[in-house]
Amino acid sequence: MKNWQQLQNLMFELLRVYQQILVLSKQKKDLLVAGKPADLEKVVNQEEVLLRKAVKVDVARKQIIQILSKQLVGATDSLTVEELIAFAPSDIIEELSKIGQDLNTVLLGLKEQNELNKQLIEQALKIVNYNINLYSSRMAGPTYSPQDGDEKNFHHRATLDYRG
């Protein structure tokens, strides 16, 4: 029973962490649209902390699943949570099923949100590249000087101030 309770707690913790990551992903979308890179960096840092936590919780969850699999069916390979639920005590079955469904819903939402964020980042990158190319073409001038030494007809472009 202890392992079942641990599995339930770990699944709930994983759900909670992914819900927080989903909230941060929505914040990232808003910050990408608003063009606030400093705030975006803060959100990304928060997301990284949560992702590390999710990995730790998931490793612990997989260990419990492996232990339960060996106890129940003597399986050398771990069963999935869905397969394990069939062997769960009756008071935990419903809760594990609900947590699993909620987790799937959150993960699908996270996948959709990440795809949208990816598109926004790609769009922003195209704009940045366009601006770089535009600025570069304005600065580009001849890379040589007139052969006759007549520099009065030679136009110098000085858009950068190199003075320290």
C-alpha atoms as a PDB file:
ATOM      1  CA  MET A   1       0.000   0.000   0.000  1.00  0.00           C
ATOM      2  CA  LYS A   2       2.905   2.312   0.753  1.00  0.00           C
ATOM      3  CA  ASN A   3       4.200   2.071  -2.831  1.00  0.00           C
ATOM      4  CA  TRP A   4       0.735   2.826  -4.224  1.00  0.00           C
ATOM      5  CA  GLN A   5       0.493   5.916  -2.049  1.00  0.00           C
ATOM      6  CA  GLN A   6       3.965   6.992  -3.179  1.00  0.00           C
ATOM      7  CA  LEU A   7       2.941   6.520  -6.813  1.00  0.00           C
ATOM      8  CA  GLN A   8      -0.187   8.585  -6.260  1.00  0.00           C
ATOM      9  CA  ASN A   9       1.803  11.357  -4.543  1.00  0.00           C
ATOM     10  CA  LEU A  10       4.444  11.394  -7.271  1.00  0.00           C
ATOM     11  CA  MET A  11       1.842  11.499 -10.032  1.00  0.00           C
ATOM     12  CA  PHE A  12       0.081  14.374  -8.273  1.00  0.00           C
ATOM     13  CA  GLU A  13       3.390  16.226  -7.835  1.00  0.00           C
ATOM     14  CA  LEU A  14       4.225  15.694 -11.508  1.00  0.00           C
ATOM     15  CA  LEU A  15       0.813  17.056 -12.467  1.00  0.00           C
ATOM     16  CA  ARG A  16       1.325  20.106 -10.266  1.00  0.00           C
ATOM     17  CA  VAL A  17       4.773  20.825 -11.744  1.00  0.00           C
ATOM     18  CA  TYR A  18       3.544  20.500 -15.332  1.00  0.00           C
ATOM     19  CA  GLN A  19       0.610  22.787 -14.561  1.00  0.00           C
ATOM     20  CA  GLN A  20       3.093  25.407 -13.362  1.00  0.00           C
ATOM     21  CA  ILE A  21       5.190  24.911 -16.505  1.00  0.00           C
ATOM     22  CA  LEU A  22       2.056  25.409 -18.623  1.00  0.00           C
ATOM     23  CA  VAL A  23       1.341  28.701 -16.844  1.00  0.00           C
ATOM     24  CA  LEU A  24       4.919  29.832 -17.517  1.00  0.00           C
ATOM     25  CA  SER A  25       4.613  28.819 -21.183  1.00  0.00           C
ATOM     26  CA  LYS A  26       1.562  31.051 -21.512  1.00  0.00           C
ATOM     27  CA  GLN A  27       3.505  33.868 -19.873  1.00  0.00           C
ATOM     28  CA  LYS A  28       6.326  33.276 -22.363  1.00  0.00           C
ATOM     29  CA  LYS A  29       3.864  33.691 -25.230  1.00  0.00           C
ATOM     30  CA  ASP A  30       2.697  37.016 -23.830  1.00  0.00           C
ATOM     31  CA  LEU A  31       6.284  38.188 -23.348  1.00  0.00           C
ATOM     32  CA  LEU A  32       7.268  37.102 -26.858  1.00  0.00           C
ATOM     33  CA  VAL A  33       4.362  39.064 -28.298  1.00  0.00           C
ATOM     34  CA  ALA A  34       5.170  42.084 -26.132  1.00  0.00           C
ATOM     35  CA  GLY A  35       8.878  41.899 -27.008  1.00  0.00           C
ATOM     36  CA  LYS A  36      10.200  41.875 -23.446  1.00  0.00           C
ATOM     37  CA  PRO A  37      13.424  39.812 -23.541  1.00  0.00           C
ATOM     38  CA  ALA A  38      14.509  40.559 -19.954  1.00  0.00           C
ATOM     39  CA  ASP A  39      11.209  39.343 -18.526  1.00  0.00           C
ATOM     40  CA  LEU A  40      11.267  36.389 -20.920  1.00  0.00           C
ATOM     41  CA  GLU A  41      14.654  35.344 -19.577  1.00  0.00           C
ATOM     42  CA  LYS A  42      13.306  35.353 -16.013  1.00  0.00           C
ATOM     43  CA  VAL A  43      10.389  33.134 -17.028  1.00  0.00           C
ATOM     44  CA  VAL A  44      12.714  30.762 -18.900  1.00  0.00           C
ATOM     45  CA  ASN A  45      14.900  30.476 -15.794  1.00  0.00           C
ATOM     46  CA  GLN A  46      11.839  29.652 -13.665  1.00  0.00           C
ATOM     47  CA  GLU A  47      10.798  27.084 -16.249  1.00  0.00           C
ATOM     48  CA  GLU A  48      14.239  25.434 -16.151  1.00  0.00           C
ATOM     49  CA  VAL A  49      13.975  24.998 -12.383  1.00  0.00           C
ATOM     50  CA  LEU A  50      10.564  23.376 -12.766  1.00  0.00           C
ATOM     51  CA  LEU A  51      11.788  21.118 -15.566  1.00  0.00           C
ATOM     52  CA  ARG A  52      14.646  19.858 -13.386  1.00  0.00           C
ATOM     53  CA  LYS A  53      12.110  19.151 -10.655  1.00  0.00           C
ATOM     54  CA  ALA A  54       9.845  17.319 -13.111  1.00  0.00           C
ATOM     55  CA  VAL A  55      12.744  15.101 -14.180  1.00  0.00           C
ATOM     56  CA  LYS A  56      13.504  14.189 -10.551  1.00  0.00           C
ATOM     57  CA  VAL A  57       9.873  13.401  -9.805  1.00  0.00           C
ATOM     58  CA  ASP A  58       9.552  11.374 -13.002  1.00  0.00           C
ATOM     59  CA  VAL A  59      12.642   9.305 -12.156  1.00  0.00           C
ATOM     60  CA  ALA A  60      11.164   8.533  -8.717  1.00  0.00           C
ATOM     61  CA  ARG A  61       7.812   7.684 -10.346  1.00  0.00           C
ATOM     62  CA  LYS A  62       9.473   5.258 -12.741  1.00  0.00           C
ATOM     63  CA  GLN A  63      11.299   3.582  -9.853  1.00  0.00           C
ATOM     64  CA  ILE A  64       8.045   3.051  -7.980  1.00  0.00           C
ATOM     65  CA  ILE A  65       6.390   1.720 -11.138  1.00  0.00           C
ATOM     66  CA  GLN A  66       9.256  -0.735 -11.572  1.00  0.00           C
ATOM     67  CA  ILE A  67       8.958  -1.900  -7.951  1.00  0.00           C
ATOM     68  CA  LEU A  68       5.194  -2.342  -8.273  1.00  0.00           C
ATOM     69  CA  SER A  69       5.593  -4.168 -11.578  1.00  0.00           C
ATOM     70  CA  LYS A  70       7.982  -6.675 -10.010  1.00  0.00           C
ATOM     71  CA  GLN A  71       5.748  -7.152  -6.955  1.00  0.00           C
ATOM     72  CA  LEU A  72       2.552  -7.661  -8.919  1.00  0.00           C
ATOM     73  CA  VAL A  73       3.452  -9.619 -11.993  1.00  0.00           C
ATOM     74  CA  GLY A  74       7.134 -10.381 -11.609  1.00  0.00           C
ATOM     75  CA  ALA A  75       7.728  -8.325 -14.712  1.00  0.00           C
ATOM     76  CA  THR A  76      11.291  -7.431 -15.505  1.00  0.00           C
ATOM     77  CA  ASP A  77      10.049  -4.565 -17.667  1.00  0.00           C
ATOM     78  CA  SER A  78       8.022  -1.857 -16.024  1.00  0.00           C
ATOM     79  CA  LEU A  79       4.325  -1.698 -16.742  1.00  0.00           C
ATOM     80  CA  THR A  80       2.705   1.579 -17.707  1.00  0.00           C
ATOM     81  CA  VAL A  81       0.616   3.452 -15.166  1.00  0.00           C
ATOM     82  CA  GLU A  82      -2.505   2.499 -17.103  1.00  0.00           C
ATOM     83  CA  GLU A  83      -1.546  -1.177 -16.870  1.00  0.00           C
ATOM     84  CA  LEU A  84      -0.724  -0.886 -13.178  1.00  0.00           C
ATOM     85  CA  ILE A  85      -4.063   0.728 -12.328  1.00  0.00           C
ATOM     86  CA  ALA A  86      -5.765  -2.611 -12.916  1.00  0.00           C
ATOM     87  CA  PHE A  87      -3.841  -3.984  -9.921  1.00  0.00           C
ATOM     88  CA  ALA A  88      -4.259  -0.926  -7.670  1.00  0.00           C
ATOM     89  CA  PRO A  89      -6.279  -1.010  -4.451  1.00  0.00           C
ATOM     90  CA  SER A  90      -9.864   0.068  -5.055  1.00  0.00           C
ATOM     91  CA  ASP A  91      -9.541   3.290  -3.054  1.00  0.00           C
ATOM     92  CA  ILE A  92      -6.669   4.508  -5.280  1.00  0.00           C
ATOM     93  CA  ILE A  93      -7.857   3.407  -8.725  1.00  0.00           C
ATOM     94  CA  GLU A  94     -10.157   6.371  -9.327  1.00  0.00           C
ATOM     95  CA  GLU A  95      -7.660   8.947  -8.084  1.00  0.00           C
ATOM     96  CA  LEU A  96      -4.787   7.510 -10.155  1.00  0.00           C
ATOM     97  CA  SER A  97      -6.997   7.460 -13.247  1.00  0.00           C
ATOM     98  CA  LYS A  98      -8.054  11.069 -12.717  1.00  0.00           C
ATOM     99  CA  ILE A  99      -4.485  12.247 -12.151  1.00  0.00           C
ATOM    100  CA  GLY A 100      -3.391  10.386 -15.291  1.00  0.00           C
ATOM    101  CA  GLN A 101      -6.137  11.995 -17.370  1.00  0.00           C
ATOM    102  CA  ASP A 102      -5.373  15.442 -15.962  1.00  0.00           C
ATOM    103  CA  LEU A 103      -1.674  14.939 -16.664  1.00  0.00           C
ATOM    104  CA  ASN A 104      -2.405  13.956 -20.268  1.00  0.00           C
ATOM    105  CA  THR A 105      -4.586  17.064 -20.687  1.00  0.00           C
ATOM    106  CA  VAL A 106      -1.882  19.349 -19.274  1.00  0.00           C
ATOM    107  CA  LEU A 107       0.817  17.744 -21.423  1.00  0.00           C
ATOM    108  CA  LEU A 108      -1.290  18.210 -24.567  1.00  0.00           C
ATOM    109  CA  GLY A 109      -1.876  21.855 -23.628  1.00  0.00           C
ATOM    110  CA  LEU A 110       1.841  22.270 -23.012  1.00  0.00           C
ATOM    111  CA  LYS A 111       2.651  20.745 -26.384  1.00  0.00           C
ATOM    112  CA  GLU A 112       0.266  23.159 -28.145  1.00  0.00           C
ATOM    113  CA  GLN A 113       1.588  26.152 -26.202  1.00  0.00           C
ATOM    114  CA  ASN A 114       5.200  25.216 -26.954  1.00  0.00           C
ATOM    115  CA  GLU A 115       4.397  24.910 -30.654  1.00  0.00           C
ATOM    116  CA  LEU A 116       2.864  28.393 -30.618  1.00  0.00           C
ATOM    117  CA  ASN A 117       5.885  29.777 -28.748  1.00  0.00           C
ATOM    118  CA  LYS A 118       8.187  28.114 -31.276  1.00  0.00           C
ATOM    119  CA  GLN A 119       6.343  29.832 -34.129  1.00  0.00           C
ATOM    120  CA  LEU A 120       6.560  33.197 -32.348  1.00  0.00           C
ATOM    121  CA  ILE A 121      10.294  32.759 -31.767  1.00  0.00           C
ATOM    122  CA  GLU A 122      10.859  31.811 -35.403  1.00  0.00           C
ATOM    123  CA  GLN A 123       8.887  34.864 -36.497  1.00  0.00           C
ATOM    124  CA  ALA A 124      10.908  37.124 -34.185  1.00  0.00           C
ATOM    125  CA  LEU A 125      14.132  35.597 -35.492  1.00  0.00           C
ATOM    126  CA  LYS A 126      13.099  36.347 -39.079  1.00  0.00           C
ATOM    127  CA  ILE A 127      12.457  39.974 -38.119  1.00  0.00           C
ATOM    128  CA  VAL A 128      15.836  40.220 -36.391  1.00  0.00           C
ATOM    129  CA  ASN A 129      17.608  38.693 -39.399  1.00  0.00           C
ATOM    130  CA  TYR A 130      15.774  41.071 -41.727  1.00  0.00           C
ATOM    131  CA  ASN A 131      16.856  44.053 -39.631  1.00  0.00           C
ATOM    132  CA  ILE A 132      20.456  42.829 -39.509  1.00  0.00           C
ATOM    133  CA  ASN A 133      20.521  42.390 -43.272  1.00  0.00           C
ATOM    134  CA  LEU A 134      18.931  45.778 -43.777  1.00  0.00           C
ATOM    135  CA  TYR A 135      21.448  47.471 -41.487  1.00  0.00           C
ATOM    136  CA  SER A 136      24.358  45.560 -43.033  1.00  0.00           C
ATOM    137  CA  SER A 137      23.418  46.609 -46.549  1.00  0.00           C
ATOM    138  CA  ARG A 138      23.285  50.262 -45.482  1.00  0.00           C
ATOM    139  CA  MET A 139      26.758  50.082 -43.988  1.00  0.00           C
ATOM    140  CA  ALA A 140      28.310  48.227 -46.899  1.00  0.00           C
ATOM    141  CA  GLY A 141      30.329  50.415 -49.143  1.00  0.00           C
ATOM    142  CA  PRO A 142      33.082  49.794 -51.615  1.00  0.00           C
ATOM    143  CA  THR A 143      35.925  47.848 -50.137  1.00  0.00           C
ATOM    144  CA  TYR A 144      38.441  49.678 -52.266  1.00  0.00           C
ATOM    145  CA  SER A 145      39.403  53.257 -52.954  1.00  0.00           C
ATOM    146  CA  PRO A 146      39.613  54.840 -56.393  1.00  0.00           C
ATOM    147  CA  GLN A 147      42.732  53.784 -58.288  1.00  0.00           C
ATOM    148  CA  ASP A 148      43.622  57.277 -59.397  1.00  0.00           C
ATOM    149  CA  GLY A 149      43.922  58.439 -55.807  1.00  0.00           C
ATOM    150  CA  ASP A 150      41.113  60.957 -56.298  1.00  0.00           C
ATOM    151  CA  GLU A 151      39.257  60.600 -53.059  1.00  0.00           C
ATOM    152  CA  LYS A 152      37.118  63.721 -53.381  1.00  0.00           C
ATOM    153  CA  ASN A 153      34.574  61.755 -55.411  1.00  0.00           C
ATOM    154  CA  PHE A 154      34.840  58.804 -53.073  1.00  0.00           C
ATOM    155  CA  HIS A 155      32.045  58.725 -50.504  1.00  0.00           C
ATOM    156  CA  HIS A 156      32.987  57.531 -47.063  1.00  0.00           C
ATOM    157  CA  ARG A 157      30.284  56.004 -44.933  1.00  0.00           C
ATOM    158  CA  ALA A 158      30.775  56.574 -41.286  1.00  0.00           C
ATOM    159  CA  THR A 159      27.831  55.366 -39.312  1.00  0.00           C
ATOM    160  CA  LEU A 160      29.743  54.047 -36.336  1.00  0.00           C
ATOM    161  CA  ASP A 161      31.610  56.250 -33.928  1.00  0.00           C
ATOM    162  CA  TYR A 162      34.867  54.495 -33.128  1.00  0.00           C
ATOM    163  CA  ARG A 163      36.017  57.042 -30.590  1.00  0.00           C
ATOM    164  CA  GLY A 164      36.385  55.651 -27.096  1.00  0.00           C
END
